[in-house]
Amino acid sequence: MMRRVWTLAAGLAAMSTTWPITYRATPDKPPHSDHSPELVNTCLITNDVEKLASFYEPVLGFKAKWSGEDYAEFHTDRGVLAIFSARAQEKYIPGSTKAASNEGIVLEFRVDDVDQQYLRLQSLVKTWVKPPTTQPWGTRSIYFRDPDGNLVDFFAVAKAE
């Protein structure tokens, strides 16, 4: 069975009266003219929403928006990082996910200064995967894991030397 760490909010929205309003189509942005899907949300399924949201708040630098105790979300300029409880996920879509078992996705966040972020995150991040490194594909990145083991990449376009 394929493991998934994200869900389509539209399906859950139809099943729950407490689902946040933020998943309606964004009126300020027209749909793609070719009718292709637009990725707007990544949802992490976890056994501890509070713990994961508490980790991401200082890492991302802003507070989560909560909808009940089972759901928190972080709005960025490009999309939403959502955190949803495994218990609620199991209730709405039984057998669809396994919390904290991600081994095939990287959450990538563009930042202004990777080295500054690396210094800032030292007291917050417990598991570092890779310190600031200029990658062969032209980005400077740091890689670390969140409390559930999800791989996170903070990156910036590498400066020309």
C-alpha atoms as a PDB file:
ATOM      1  CA  MET A   1       0.000   0.000   0.000  1.00  0.00           C
ATOM      2  CA  MET A   2       1.335   3.393  -0.961  1.00  0.00           C
ATOM      3  CA  ARG A   3       1.981   5.607   2.036  1.00  0.00           C
ATOM      4  CA  ARG A   4       0.642   9.109   1.804  1.00  0.00           C
ATOM      5  CA  VAL A   5       1.461  12.035   4.044  1.00  0.00           C
ATOM      6  CA  TRP A   6      -0.916  14.474   2.426  1.00  0.00           C
ATOM      7  CA  THR A   7      -4.581  14.437   1.616  1.00  0.00           C
ATOM      8  CA  LEU A   8      -6.874  16.397  -0.608  1.00  0.00           C
ATOM      9  CA  ALA A   9      -8.720  18.751   1.622  1.00  0.00           C
ATOM     10  CA  ALA A  10     -11.766  18.861  -0.592  1.00  0.00           C
ATOM     11  CA  GLY A  11     -12.655  15.266   0.207  1.00  0.00           C
ATOM     12  CA  LEU A  12     -12.360  15.811   3.916  1.00  0.00           C
ATOM     13  CA  ALA A  13     -14.214  19.110   3.741  1.00  0.00           C
ATOM     14  CA  ALA A  14     -17.246  17.314   2.412  1.00  0.00           C
ATOM     15  CA  MET A  15     -17.152  14.950   5.376  1.00  0.00           C
ATOM     16  CA  SER A  16     -16.629  17.365   8.243  1.00  0.00           C
ATOM     17  CA  THR A  17     -18.551  20.397   9.368  1.00  0.00           C
ATOM     18  CA  THR A  18     -15.537  21.608  11.353  1.00  0.00           C
ATOM     19  CA  TRP A  19     -13.156  21.707   8.370  1.00  0.00           C
ATOM     20  CA  PRO A  20     -11.603  25.165   7.884  1.00  0.00           C
ATOM     21  CA  ILE A  21     -12.991  27.535   5.318  1.00  0.00           C
ATOM     22  CA  THR A  22      -9.531  28.179   3.827  1.00  0.00           C
ATOM     23  CA  TYR A  23      -9.863  25.290   1.404  1.00  0.00           C
ATOM     24  CA  ARG A  24     -12.435  26.893  -0.815  1.00  0.00           C
ATOM     25  CA  ALA A  25     -11.130  27.926  -4.209  1.00  0.00           C
ATOM     26  CA  THR A  26      -8.995  31.026  -3.846  1.00  0.00           C
ATOM     27  CA  PRO A  27     -10.997  33.801  -5.515  1.00  0.00           C
ATOM     28  CA  ASP A  28      -7.991  36.075  -6.136  1.00  0.00           C
ATOM     29  CA  LYS A  29      -6.277  33.536  -8.371  1.00  0.00           C
ATOM     30  CA  PRO A  30      -7.984  32.140 -11.475  1.00  0.00           C
ATOM     31  CA  PRO A  31      -7.660  28.423 -12.210  1.00  0.00           C
ATOM     32  CA  HIS A  32      -5.061  27.273 -14.722  1.00  0.00           C
ATOM     33  CA  SER A  33      -6.216  27.900 -18.252  1.00  0.00           C
ATOM     34  CA  ASP A  34      -5.323  24.347 -19.256  1.00  0.00           C
ATOM     35  CA  HIS A  35      -7.390  22.919 -16.371  1.00  0.00           C
ATOM     36  CA  SER A  36      -4.390  21.186 -14.843  1.00  0.00           C
ATOM     37  CA  PRO A  37      -4.390  20.539 -11.082  1.00  0.00           C
ATOM     38  CA  GLU A  38      -2.787  23.168  -8.875  1.00  0.00           C
ATOM     39  CA  LEU A  39      -0.997  21.957  -5.748  1.00  0.00           C
ATOM     40  CA  VAL A  40      -1.992  24.367  -2.984  1.00  0.00           C
ATOM     41  CA  ASN A  41      -1.758  22.283   0.169  1.00  0.00           C
ATOM     42  CA  THR A  42       0.491  19.721   1.790  1.00  0.00           C
ATOM     43  CA  CYS A  43      -1.004  17.966   4.801  1.00  0.00           C
ATOM     44  CA  LEU A  44       1.093  16.087   7.341  1.00  0.00           C
ATOM     45  CA  ILE A  45      -0.746  13.383   9.249  1.00  0.00           C
ATOM     46  CA  THR A  46       0.477  13.096  12.827  1.00  0.00           C
ATOM     47  CA  ASN A  47      -0.323  11.502  16.162  1.00  0.00           C
ATOM     48  CA  ASP A  48       0.405  14.818  17.931  1.00  0.00           C
ATOM     49  CA  VAL A  49      -0.887  17.932  16.143  1.00  0.00           C
ATOM     50  CA  GLU A  50       0.068  20.222  19.037  1.00  0.00           C
ATOM     51  CA  LYS A  51       3.674  18.999  19.107  1.00  0.00           C
ATOM     52  CA  LEU A  52       4.184  19.293  15.348  1.00  0.00           C
ATOM     53  CA  ALA A  53       2.498  22.712  15.138  1.00  0.00           C
ATOM     54  CA  SER A  54       4.589  23.900  18.092  1.00  0.00           C
ATOM     55  CA  PHE A  55       7.712  22.851  16.197  1.00  0.00           C
ATOM     56  CA  TYR A  56       6.754  24.601  12.958  1.00  0.00           C
ATOM     57  CA  GLU A  57       5.644  27.886  14.575  1.00  0.00           C
ATOM     58  CA  PRO A  58       9.173  29.058  15.505  1.00  0.00           C
ATOM     59  CA  VAL A  59      10.751  27.316  12.509  1.00  0.00           C
ATOM     60  CA  LEU A  60       8.495  29.186  10.059  1.00  0.00           C
ATOM     61  CA  GLY A  61       8.305  32.315  12.205  1.00  0.00           C
ATOM     62  CA  PHE A  62       4.534  32.638  12.579  1.00  0.00           C
ATOM     63  CA  LYS A  63       1.612  31.074  14.436  1.00  0.00           C
ATOM     64  CA  ALA A  64      -0.546  28.289  13.079  1.00  0.00           C
ATOM     65  CA  LYS A  65      -4.209  28.882  12.345  1.00  0.00           C
ATOM     66  CA  TRP A  66      -6.241  26.273  14.222  1.00  0.00           C
ATOM     67  CA  SER A  67      -9.569  24.655  13.452  1.00  0.00           C
ATOM     68  CA  GLY A  68     -10.379  22.524  16.466  1.00  0.00           C
ATOM     69  CA  GLU A  69      -7.769  20.330  18.116  1.00  0.00           C
ATOM     70  CA  ASP A  70      -7.260  18.072  15.097  1.00  0.00           C
ATOM     71  CA  TYR A  71      -6.134  20.602  12.498  1.00  0.00           C
ATOM     72  CA  ALA A  72      -3.618  23.435  12.174  1.00  0.00           C
ATOM     73  CA  GLU A  73      -2.316  25.189   9.102  1.00  0.00           C
ATOM     74  CA  PHE A  74       0.466  27.542   8.078  1.00  0.00           C
ATOM     75  CA  HIS A  75      -0.224  29.839   5.128  1.00  0.00           C
ATOM     76  CA  THR A  76       2.799  30.788   3.038  1.00  0.00           C
ATOM     77  CA  ASP A  77       2.966  32.908  -0.102  1.00  0.00           C
ATOM     78  CA  ARG A  78       2.823  29.768  -2.262  1.00  0.00           C
ATOM     79  CA  GLY A  79       0.573  27.361  -0.394  1.00  0.00           C
ATOM     80  CA  VAL A  80      -0.457  25.856   2.905  1.00  0.00           C
ATOM     81  CA  LEU A  81       1.338  23.436   5.181  1.00  0.00           C
ATOM     82  CA  ALA A  82      -1.423  21.671   7.087  1.00  0.00           C
ATOM     83  CA  ILE A  83      -1.192  19.341  10.076  1.00  0.00           C
ATOM     84  CA  PHE A  84      -4.031  16.895  10.702  1.00  0.00           C
ATOM     85  CA  SER A  85      -4.509  14.294  13.408  1.00  0.00           C
ATOM     86  CA  ALA A  86      -4.140  10.623  12.526  1.00  0.00           C
ATOM     87  CA  ARG A  87      -7.191   9.864  14.667  1.00  0.00           C
ATOM     88  CA  ALA A  88      -9.396  12.213  12.639  1.00  0.00           C
ATOM     89  CA  GLN A  89      -7.884  11.027   9.346  1.00  0.00           C
ATOM     90  CA  GLU A  90      -8.721   7.438  10.283  1.00  0.00           C
ATOM     91  CA  LYS A  91     -12.281   8.488  11.118  1.00  0.00           C
ATOM     92  CA  TYR A  92     -12.852  10.196   7.748  1.00  0.00           C
ATOM     93  CA  ILE A  93     -10.734   8.042   5.403  1.00  0.00           C
ATOM     94  CA  PRO A  94      -9.991   4.731   7.183  1.00  0.00           C
ATOM     95  CA  GLY A  95      -6.719   3.022   6.338  1.00  0.00           C
ATOM     96  CA  SER A  96      -5.507   5.845   4.080  1.00  0.00           C
ATOM     97  CA  THR A  97      -2.406   7.012   5.937  1.00  0.00           C
ATOM     98  CA  LYS A  98       0.168   6.082   8.539  1.00  0.00           C
ATOM     99  CA  ALA A  99       1.317   8.929  10.766  1.00  0.00           C
ATOM    100  CA  ALA A 100       4.993   9.808  11.159  1.00  0.00           C
ATOM    101  CA  SER A 101       6.176   7.304   8.548  1.00  0.00           C
ATOM    102  CA  ASN A 102       7.211   9.598   5.704  1.00  0.00           C
ATOM    103  CA  GLU A 103      10.275   8.447   3.833  1.00  0.00           C
ATOM    104  CA  GLY A 104       9.635   9.785   0.363  1.00  0.00           C
ATOM    105  CA  ILE A 105       8.785  13.477   0.529  1.00  0.00           C
ATOM    106  CA  VAL A 106      10.810  16.626   1.203  1.00  0.00           C
ATOM    107  CA  LEU A 107       9.110  19.795   2.433  1.00  0.00           C
ATOM    108  CA  GLU A 108      10.989  22.605   0.702  1.00  0.00           C
ATOM    109  CA  PHE A 109      10.875  26.220   1.865  1.00  0.00           C
ATOM    110  CA  ARG A 110      12.634  29.051   0.019  1.00  0.00           C
ATOM    111  CA  VAL A 111      14.445  31.405   2.419  1.00  0.00           C
ATOM    112  CA  ASP A 112      16.588  34.504   1.953  1.00  0.00           C
ATOM    113  CA  ASP A 113      19.716  33.323   3.788  1.00  0.00           C
ATOM    114  CA  VAL A 114      20.320  29.619   4.428  1.00  0.00           C
ATOM    115  CA  ASP A 115      23.342  30.167   6.668  1.00  0.00           C
ATOM    116  CA  GLN A 116      21.440  32.625   8.878  1.00  0.00           C
ATOM    117  CA  GLN A 117      18.526  30.178   9.139  1.00  0.00           C
ATOM    118  CA  TYR A 118      20.929  27.397  10.098  1.00  0.00           C
ATOM    119  CA  LEU A 119      22.207  29.490  13.011  1.00  0.00           C
ATOM    120  CA  ARG A 120      18.676  30.541  14.029  1.00  0.00           C
ATOM    121  CA  LEU A 121      17.357  26.958  14.049  1.00  0.00           C
ATOM    122  CA  GLN A 122      20.143  25.403  16.148  1.00  0.00           C
ATOM    123  CA  SER A 123      18.084  25.387  19.348  1.00  0.00           C
ATOM    124  CA  LEU A 124      14.872  24.249  17.609  1.00  0.00           C
ATOM    125  CA  VAL A 125      16.005  21.398  15.372  1.00  0.00           C
ATOM    126  CA  LYS A 126      17.000  18.129  17.052  1.00  0.00           C
ATOM    127  CA  THR A 127      17.907  16.121  13.933  1.00  0.00           C
ATOM    128  CA  TRP A 128      20.128  17.714  11.286  1.00  0.00           C
ATOM    129  CA  VAL A 129      20.546  15.810   8.020  1.00  0.00           C
ATOM    130  CA  LYS A 130      22.873  18.196   6.172  1.00  0.00           C
ATOM    131  CA  PRO A 131      24.453  21.523   7.174  1.00  0.00           C
ATOM    132  CA  PRO A 132      24.527  24.498   4.775  1.00  0.00           C
ATOM    133  CA  THR A 133      25.757  23.122   1.459  1.00  0.00           C
ATOM    134  CA  THR A 134      25.721  24.434  -2.088  1.00  0.00           C
ATOM    135  CA  GLN A 135      24.029  21.758  -4.175  1.00  0.00           C
ATOM    136  CA  PRO A 136      25.062  20.821  -7.751  1.00  0.00           C
ATOM    137  CA  TRP A 137      21.665  22.053  -9.024  1.00  0.00           C
ATOM    138  CA  GLY A 138      22.391  25.631  -7.914  1.00  0.00           C
ATOM    139  CA  THR A 139      20.762  25.993  -4.514  1.00  0.00           C
ATOM    140  CA  ARG A 140      22.216  26.385  -1.057  1.00  0.00           C
ATOM    141  CA  SER A 141      20.328  24.164   1.392  1.00  0.00           C
ATOM    142  CA  ILE A 142      20.032  22.883   4.916  1.00  0.00           C
ATOM    143  CA  TYR A 143      18.203  19.635   5.577  1.00  0.00           C
ATOM    144  CA  PHE A 144      16.654  18.633   8.894  1.00  0.00           C
ATOM    145  CA  ARG A 145      13.836  16.490  10.284  1.00  0.00           C
ATOM    146  CA  ASP A 146      10.735  17.652  12.123  1.00  0.00           C
ATOM    147  CA  PRO A 147       9.588  15.769  15.276  1.00  0.00           C
ATOM    148  CA  ASP A 148       7.699  13.212  13.123  1.00  0.00           C
ATOM    149  CA  GLY A 149      10.757  12.535  10.958  1.00  0.00           C
ATOM    150  CA  ASN A 150       9.598  14.475   7.872  1.00  0.00           C
ATOM    151  CA  LEU A 151      12.537  15.801   5.872  1.00  0.00           C
ATOM    152  CA  VAL A 152      12.623  19.608   5.585  1.00  0.00           C
ATOM    153  CA  ASP A 153      14.802  21.643   3.213  1.00  0.00           C
ATOM    154  CA  PHE A 154      15.376  25.372   3.651  1.00  0.00           C
ATOM    155  CA  PHE A 155      16.988  26.587   0.415  1.00  0.00           C
ATOM    156  CA  ALA A 156      18.022  29.698  -1.503  1.00  0.00           C
ATOM    157  CA  VAL A 157      19.432  30.179  -4.979  1.00  0.00           C
ATOM    158  CA  ALA A 158      23.202  29.960  -4.559  1.00  0.00           C
ATOM    159  CA  LYS A 159      25.114  33.194  -4.963  1.00  0.00           C
ATOM    160  CA  ALA A 160      27.512  33.346  -7.893  1.00  0.00           C
ATOM    161  CA  GLU A 161      31.112  33.035  -6.791  1.00  0.00           C
END
